Amino acid sequence: MALFWNRWIAVRTEGGSRSELIDRLQAHFKANGLKTKITIEGSSLKRIHVLKKDADRAKVLLDAFDEEH
């Protein structure tokens, strides 16, 4: 499993009532052609991951997403 996770990098973590932002962010990334994975830790902590090769593009999209929300 280590090989699988070496390809991915976490770009945002949210918890509690803000965890729904991860789902919206995933839709934003997918609409712009990025592959994503979501992991859940504990009862409400969500983390979104993108491929390492797409990290720079994800940063740009993340900034645009934050401006909108």
PDB file of N, CA and C in Angstrom:
ATOM      1  N   MET A   1       0.814  -1.186   0.000  1.00  0.00           N
ATOM      2  CA  MET A   1       0.000   0.000   0.000  1.00  0.00           C
ATOM      3  C   MET A   1       0.866   1.263   0.000  1.00  0.00           C
ATOM      4  N   ALA A   2       2.065   1.173   0.440  1.00  0.00           N
ATOM      5  CA  ALA A   2       2.947   2.337   0.473  1.00  0.00           C
ATOM      6  C   ALA A   2       3.156   2.910  -0.930  1.00  0.00           C
ATOM      7  N   LEU A   3       3.249   2.056  -1.932  1.00  0.00           N
ATOM      8  CA  LEU A   3       3.433   2.543  -3.296  1.00  0.00           C
ATOM      9  C   LEU A   3       2.239   3.356  -3.760  1.00  0.00           C
ATOM     10  N   PHE A   4       1.045   2.927  -3.355  1.00  0.00           N
ATOM     11  CA  PHE A   4      -0.172   3.643  -3.718  1.00  0.00           C
ATOM     12  C   PHE A   4      -0.149   5.056  -3.153  1.00  0.00           C
ATOM     13  N   TRP A   5       0.182   5.196  -1.887  1.00  0.00           N
ATOM     14  CA  TRP A   5       0.124   6.504  -1.233  1.00  0.00           C
ATOM     15  C   TRP A   5       1.291   7.402  -1.614  1.00  0.00           C
ATOM     16  N   ASN A   6       2.371   6.856  -2.138  1.00  0.00           N
ATOM     17  CA  ASN A   6       3.480   7.704  -2.563  1.00  0.00           C
ATOM     18  C   ASN A   6       3.114   8.554  -3.777  1.00  0.00           C
ATOM     19  N   ARG A   7       2.080   8.164  -4.488  1.00  0.00           N
ATOM     20  CA  ARG A   7       1.640   8.908  -5.658  1.00  0.00           C
ATOM     21  C   ARG A   7       0.739  10.088  -5.304  1.00  0.00           C
ATOM     22  N   TRP A   8       0.204  10.136  -4.091  1.00  0.00           N
ATOM     23  CA  TRP A   8      -0.814  11.105  -3.695  1.00  0.00           C
ATOM     24  C   TRP A   8      -0.275  12.073  -2.652  1.00  0.00           C
ATOM     25  N   ILE A   9      -0.814  13.290  -2.663  1.00  0.00           N
ATOM     26  CA  ILE A   9      -0.446  14.298  -1.681  1.00  0.00           C
ATOM     27  C   ILE A   9      -1.740  14.955  -1.160  1.00  0.00           C
ATOM     28  N   ALA A  10      -1.810  15.139   0.144  1.00  0.00           N
ATOM     29  CA  ALA A  10      -2.979  15.787   0.754  1.00  0.00           C
ATOM     30  C   ALA A  10      -2.900  17.291   0.502  1.00  0.00           C
ATOM     31  N   VAL A  11      -4.010  17.880   0.066  1.00  0.00           N
ATOM     32  CA  VAL A  11      -4.024  19.312  -0.204  1.00  0.00           C
ATOM     33  C   VAL A  11      -4.950  20.085   0.728  1.00  0.00           C
ATOM     34  N   ARG A  12      -5.875  19.408   1.392  1.00  0.00           N
ATOM     35  CA  ARG A  12      -6.783  20.100   2.316  1.00  0.00           C
ATOM     36  C   ARG A  12      -7.369  19.093   3.285  1.00  0.00           C
ATOM     37  N   THR A  13      -7.487  19.512   4.532  1.00  0.00           N
ATOM     38  CA  THR A  13      -8.126  18.720   5.573  1.00  0.00           C
ATOM     39  C   THR A  13      -9.154  19.597   6.271  1.00  0.00           C
ATOM     40  N   GLU A  14     -10.336  19.074   6.458  1.00  0.00           N
ATOM     41  CA  GLU A  14     -11.399  19.801   7.164  1.00  0.00           C
ATOM     42  C   GLU A  14     -12.077  18.846   8.135  1.00  0.00           C
ATOM     43  N   GLY A  15     -12.642  19.409   9.179  1.00  0.00           N
ATOM     44  CA  GLY A  15     -13.350  18.609  10.157  1.00  0.00           C
ATOM     45  C   GLY A  15     -14.630  19.288  10.599  1.00  0.00           C
ATOM     46  N   GLY A  16     -15.457  18.544  11.274  1.00  0.00           N
ATOM     47  CA  GLY A  16     -16.698  19.086  11.802  1.00  0.00           C
ATOM     48  C   GLY A  16     -17.629  19.559  10.711  1.00  0.00           C
ATOM     49  N   SER A  17     -18.226  20.726  10.928  1.00  0.00           N
ATOM     50  CA  SER A  17     -19.212  21.253   9.984  1.00  0.00           C
ATOM     51  C   SER A  17     -18.573  21.686   8.665  1.00  0.00           C
ATOM     52  N   ARG A  18     -17.276  21.909   8.652  1.00  0.00           N
ATOM     53  CA  ARG A  18     -16.591  22.325   7.424  1.00  0.00           C
ATOM     54  C   ARG A  18     -16.187  21.141   6.534  1.00  0.00           C
ATOM     55  N   SER A  19     -16.427  19.924   6.995  1.00  0.00           N
ATOM     56  CA  SER A  19     -16.009  18.759   6.207  1.00  0.00           C
ATOM     57  C   SER A  19     -16.758  18.650   4.890  1.00  0.00           C
ATOM     58  N   GLU A  20     -17.923  19.285   4.778  1.00  0.00           N
ATOM     59  CA  GLU A  20     -18.661  19.256   3.514  1.00  0.00           C
ATOM     60  C   GLU A  20     -17.919  20.012   2.420  1.00  0.00           C
ATOM     61  N   LEU A  21     -17.023  20.918   2.803  1.00  0.00           N
ATOM     62  CA  LEU A  21     -16.225  21.635   1.805  1.00  0.00           C
ATOM     63  C   LEU A  21     -15.336  20.688   1.007  1.00  0.00           C
ATOM     64  N   ILE A  22     -14.920  19.596   1.620  1.00  0.00           N
ATOM     65  CA  ILE A  22     -14.086  18.613   0.919  1.00  0.00           C
ATOM     66  C   ILE A  22     -14.853  18.013  -0.252  1.00  0.00           C
ATOM     67  N   ASP A  23     -16.140  17.719  -0.054  1.00  0.00           N
ATOM     68  CA  ASP A  23     -16.949  17.170  -1.143  1.00  0.00           C
ATOM     69  C   ASP A  23     -17.110  18.181  -2.273  1.00  0.00           C
ATOM     70  N   ARG A  24     -17.316  19.441  -1.925  1.00  0.00           N
ATOM     71  CA  ARG A  24     -17.432  20.491  -2.950  1.00  0.00           C
ATOM     72  C   ARG A  24     -16.104  20.691  -3.674  1.00  0.00           C
ATOM     73  N   LEU A  25     -15.025  20.633  -2.916  1.00  0.00           N
ATOM     74  CA  LEU A  25     -13.700  20.782  -3.515  1.00  0.00           C
ATOM     75  C   LEU A  25     -13.403  19.622  -4.463  1.00  0.00           C
ATOM     76  N   GLN A  26     -13.811  18.426  -4.089  1.00  0.00           N
ATOM     77  CA  GLN A  26     -13.616  17.277  -4.971  1.00  0.00           C
ATOM     78  C   GLN A  26     -14.372  17.478  -6.285  1.00  0.00           C
ATOM     79  N   ALA A  27     -15.593  17.976  -6.219  1.00  0.00           N
ATOM     80  CA  ALA A  27     -16.361  18.236  -7.441  1.00  0.00           C
ATOM     81  C   ALA A  27     -15.672  19.301  -8.292  1.00  0.00           C
ATOM     82  N   HIS A  28     -15.130  20.326  -7.651  1.00  0.00           N
ATOM     83  CA  HIS A  28     -14.400  21.393  -8.369  1.00  0.00           C
ATOM     84  C   HIS A  28     -13.161  20.833  -9.065  1.00  0.00           C
ATOM     85  N   PHE A  29     -12.407  20.011  -8.365  1.00  0.00           N
ATOM     86  CA  PHE A  29     -11.215  19.401  -8.957  1.00  0.00           C
ATOM     87  C   PHE A  29     -11.582  18.487 -10.119  1.00  0.00           C
ATOM     88  N   LYS A  30     -12.581  17.644  -9.928  1.00  0.00           N
ATOM     89  CA  LYS A  30     -12.967  16.705 -10.987  1.00  0.00           C
ATOM     90  C   LYS A  30     -13.497  17.436 -12.211  1.00  0.00           C
ATOM     91  N   ALA A  31     -14.217  18.540 -11.996  1.00  0.00           N
ATOM     92  CA  ALA A  31     -14.721  19.331 -13.127  1.00  0.00           C
ATOM     93  C   ALA A  31     -13.574  19.920 -13.944  1.00  0.00           C
ATOM     94  N   ASN A  32     -12.419  20.070 -13.297  1.00  0.00           N
ATOM     95  CA  ASN A  32     -11.238  20.613 -13.979  1.00  0.00           C
ATOM     96  C   ASN A  32     -10.238  19.529 -14.343  1.00  0.00           C
ATOM     97  N   GLY A  33     -10.650  18.272 -14.295  1.00  0.00           N
ATOM     98  CA  GLY A  33      -9.838  17.173 -14.804  1.00  0.00           C
ATOM     99  C   GLY A  33      -8.816  16.565 -13.860  1.00  0.00           C
ATOM    100  N   LEU A  34      -8.884  16.869 -12.564  1.00  0.00           N
ATOM    101  CA  LEU A  34      -7.938  16.272 -11.614  1.00  0.00           C
ATOM    102  C   LEU A  34      -8.522  15.019 -10.973  1.00  0.00           C
ATOM    103  N   LYS A  35      -7.676  14.026 -10.791  1.00  0.00           N
ATOM    104  CA  LYS A  35      -8.083  12.833 -10.058  1.00  0.00           C
ATOM    105  C   LYS A  35      -7.915  13.112  -8.572  1.00  0.00           C
ATOM    106  N   THR A  36      -8.858  12.643  -7.777  1.00  0.00           N
ATOM    107  CA  THR A  36      -8.816  12.891  -6.335  1.00  0.00           C
ATOM    108  C   THR A  36      -9.158  11.633  -5.549  1.00  0.00           C
ATOM    109  N   LYS A  37      -8.741  11.635  -4.301  1.00  0.00           N
ATOM    110  CA  LYS A  37      -9.111  10.602  -3.333  1.00  0.00           C
ATOM    111  C   LYS A  37      -9.480  11.321  -2.043  1.00  0.00           C
ATOM    112  N   ILE A  38     -10.477  10.816  -1.343  1.00  0.00           N
ATOM    113  CA  ILE A  38     -10.853  11.356  -0.039  1.00  0.00           C
ATOM    114  C   ILE A  38     -10.634  10.273   0.994  1.00  0.00           C
ATOM    115  N   THR A  39      -9.993  10.656   2.105  1.00  0.00           N
ATOM    116  CA  THR A  39      -9.848   9.737   3.231  1.00  0.00           C
ATOM    117  C   THR A  39     -10.569  10.346   4.425  1.00  0.00           C
ATOM    118  N   ILE A  40     -11.091   9.473   5.266  1.00  0.00           N
ATOM    119  CA  ILE A  40     -11.806   9.904   6.463  1.00  0.00           C
ATOM    120  C   ILE A  40     -11.071   9.362   7.673  1.00  0.00           C
ATOM    121  N   GLU A  41     -10.781  10.253   8.604  1.00  0.00           N
ATOM    122  CA  GLU A  41     -10.110   9.862   9.840  1.00  0.00           C
ATOM    123  C   GLU A  41     -11.018  10.219  11.005  1.00  0.00           C
ATOM    124  N   GLY A  42     -11.161   9.300  11.936  1.00  0.00           N
ATOM    125  CA  GLY A  42     -12.020   9.566  13.072  1.00  0.00           C
ATOM    126  C   GLY A  42     -13.472   9.671  12.650  1.00  0.00           C
ATOM    127  N   SER A  43     -14.219  10.463  13.377  1.00  0.00           N
ATOM    128  CA  SER A  43     -15.647  10.553  13.099  1.00  0.00           C
ATOM    129  C   SER A  43     -15.997  11.629  12.074  1.00  0.00           C
ATOM    130  N   SER A  44     -15.169  12.681  11.936  1.00  0.00           N
ATOM    131  CA  SER A  44     -15.576  13.742  11.017  1.00  0.00           C
ATOM    132  C   SER A  44     -14.432  14.424  10.274  1.00  0.00           C
ATOM    133  N   LEU A  45     -13.224  13.947  10.387  1.00  0.00           N
ATOM    134  CA  LEU A  45     -12.093  14.578   9.716  1.00  0.00           C
ATOM    135  C   LEU A  45     -11.936  13.999   8.312  1.00  0.00           C
ATOM    136  N   LYS A  46     -12.017  14.870   7.288  1.00  0.00           N
ATOM    137  CA  LYS A  46     -11.872  14.454   5.891  1.00  0.00           C
ATOM    138  C   LYS A  46     -10.643  15.114   5.300  1.00  0.00           C
ATOM    139  N   ARG A  47      -9.957  14.357   4.453  1.00  0.00           N
ATOM    140  CA  ARG A  47      -8.758  14.864   3.786  1.00  0.00           C
ATOM    141  C   ARG A  47      -8.882  14.541   2.295  1.00  0.00           C
ATOM    142  N   ILE A  48      -8.568  15.524   1.443  1.00  0.00           N
ATOM    143  CA  ILE A  48      -8.597  15.298  -0.003  1.00  0.00           C
ATOM    144  C   ILE A  48      -7.161  15.240  -0.518  1.00  0.00           C
ATOM    145  N   HIS A  49      -6.914  14.286  -1.390  1.00  0.00           N
ATOM    146  CA  HIS A  49      -5.591  14.043  -1.966  1.00  0.00           C
ATOM    147  C   HIS A  49      -5.677  14.181  -3.485  1.00  0.00           C
ATOM    148  N   VAL A  50      -4.598  14.655  -4.083  1.00  0.00           N
ATOM    149  CA  VAL A  50      -4.446  14.685  -5.538  1.00  0.00           C
ATOM    150  C   VAL A  50      -3.125  13.998  -5.887  1.00  0.00           C
ATOM    151  N   LEU A  51      -2.977  13.633  -7.139  1.00  0.00           N
ATOM    152  CA  LEU A  51      -1.724  13.038  -7.583  1.00  0.00           C
ATOM    153  C   LEU A  51      -0.598  14.062  -7.431  1.00  0.00           C
ATOM    154  N   LYS A  52       0.577  13.592  -7.037  1.00  0.00           N
ATOM    155  CA  LYS A  52       1.716  14.501  -6.836  1.00  0.00           C
ATOM    156  C   LYS A  52       2.020  15.311  -8.088  1.00  0.00           C
ATOM    157  N   LYS A  53       1.889  14.698  -9.247  1.00  0.00           N
ATOM    158  CA  LYS A  53       2.194  15.405 -10.488  1.00  0.00           C
ATOM    159  C   LYS A  53       1.225  16.555 -10.753  1.00  0.00           C
ATOM    160  N   ASP A  54       0.050  16.544 -10.095  1.00  0.00           N
ATOM    161  CA  ASP A  54      -0.959  17.583 -10.274  1.00  0.00           C
ATOM    162  C   ASP A  54      -0.989  18.585  -9.125  1.00  0.00           C
ATOM    163  N   ALA A  55      -0.022  18.541  -8.229  1.00  0.00           N
ATOM    164  CA  ALA A  55      -0.037  19.376  -7.026  1.00  0.00           C
ATOM    165  C   ALA A  55      -0.042  20.871  -7.354  1.00  0.00           C
ATOM    166  N   ASP A  56       0.747  21.297  -8.328  1.00  0.00           N
ATOM    167  CA  ASP A  56       0.789  22.721  -8.676  1.00  0.00           C
ATOM    168  C   ASP A  56      -0.544  23.192  -9.252  1.00  0.00           C
ATOM    169  N   ARG A  57      -1.115  22.386 -10.112  1.00  0.00           N
ATOM    170  CA  ARG A  57      -2.423  22.724 -10.690  1.00  0.00           C
ATOM    171  C   ARG A  57      -3.505  22.734  -9.615  1.00  0.00           C
ATOM    172  N   ALA A  58      -3.421  21.792  -8.675  1.00  0.00           N
ATOM    173  CA  ALA A  58      -4.386  21.738  -7.576  1.00  0.00           C
ATOM    174  C   ALA A  58      -4.301  22.992  -6.718  1.00  0.00           C
ATOM    175  N   LYS A  59      -3.101  23.515  -6.509  1.00  0.00           N
ATOM    176  CA  LYS A  59      -2.914  24.728  -5.715  1.00  0.00           C
ATOM    177  C   LYS A  59      -3.634  25.905  -6.362  1.00  0.00           C
ATOM    178  N   VAL A  60      -3.511  26.031  -7.670  1.00  0.00           N
ATOM    179  CA  VAL A  60      -4.180  27.109  -8.395  1.00  0.00           C
ATOM    180  C   VAL A  60      -5.697  26.965  -8.271  1.00  0.00           C
ATOM    181  N   LEU A  61      -6.197  25.750  -8.481  1.00  0.00           N
ATOM    182  CA  LEU A  61      -7.632  25.501  -8.376  1.00  0.00           C
ATOM    183  C   LEU A  61      -8.129  25.700  -6.942  1.00  0.00           C
ATOM    184  N   LEU A  62      -7.323  25.329  -5.969  1.00  0.00           N
ATOM    185  CA  LEU A  62      -7.686  25.503  -4.572  1.00  0.00           C
ATOM    186  C   LEU A  62      -7.807  26.993  -4.231  1.00  0.00           C
ATOM    187  N   ASP A  63      -6.898  27.794  -4.723  1.00  0.00           N
ATOM    188  CA  ASP A  63      -6.971  29.247  -4.494  1.00  0.00           C
ATOM    189  C   ASP A  63      -8.240  29.834  -5.125  1.00  0.00           C
ATOM    190  N   ALA A  64      -8.572  29.390  -6.329  1.00  0.00           N
ATOM    191  CA  ALA A  64      -9.791  29.872  -6.999  1.00  0.00           C
ATOM    192  C   ALA A  64     -11.030  29.421  -6.221  1.00  0.00           C
ATOM    193  N   PHE A  65     -11.016  28.196  -5.718  1.00  0.00           N
ATOM    194  CA  PHE A  65     -12.136  27.682  -4.929  1.00  0.00           C
ATOM    195  C   PHE A  65     -12.316  28.500  -3.659  1.00  0.00           C
ATOM    196  N   ASP A  66     -11.212  28.824  -2.982  1.00  0.00           N
ATOM    197  CA  ASP A  66     -11.283  29.601  -1.745  1.00  0.00           C
ATOM    198  C   ASP A  66     -11.815  31.012  -1.982  1.00  0.00           C
ATOM    199  N   GLU A  67     -11.505  31.594  -3.130  1.00  0.00           N
ATOM    200  CA  GLU A  67     -12.022  32.922  -3.452  1.00  0.00           C
ATOM    201  C   GLU A  67     -13.529  32.896  -3.632  1.00  0.00           C
ATOM    202  N   GLU A  68     -14.058  31.811  -4.207  1.00  0.00           N
ATOM    203  CA  GLU A  68     -15.490  31.679  -4.453  1.00  0.00           C
ATOM    204  C   GLU A  68     -16.261  31.410  -3.160  1.00  0.00           C
ATOM    205  N   HIS A  69     -15.647  30.697  -2.233  1.00  0.00           N
ATOM    206  CA  HIS A  69     -16.365  30.288  -1.009  1.00  0.00           C
ATOM    207  C   HIS A  69     -15.831  31.055   0.122  1.00  0.00           C
TER     208      HIS A  69
END
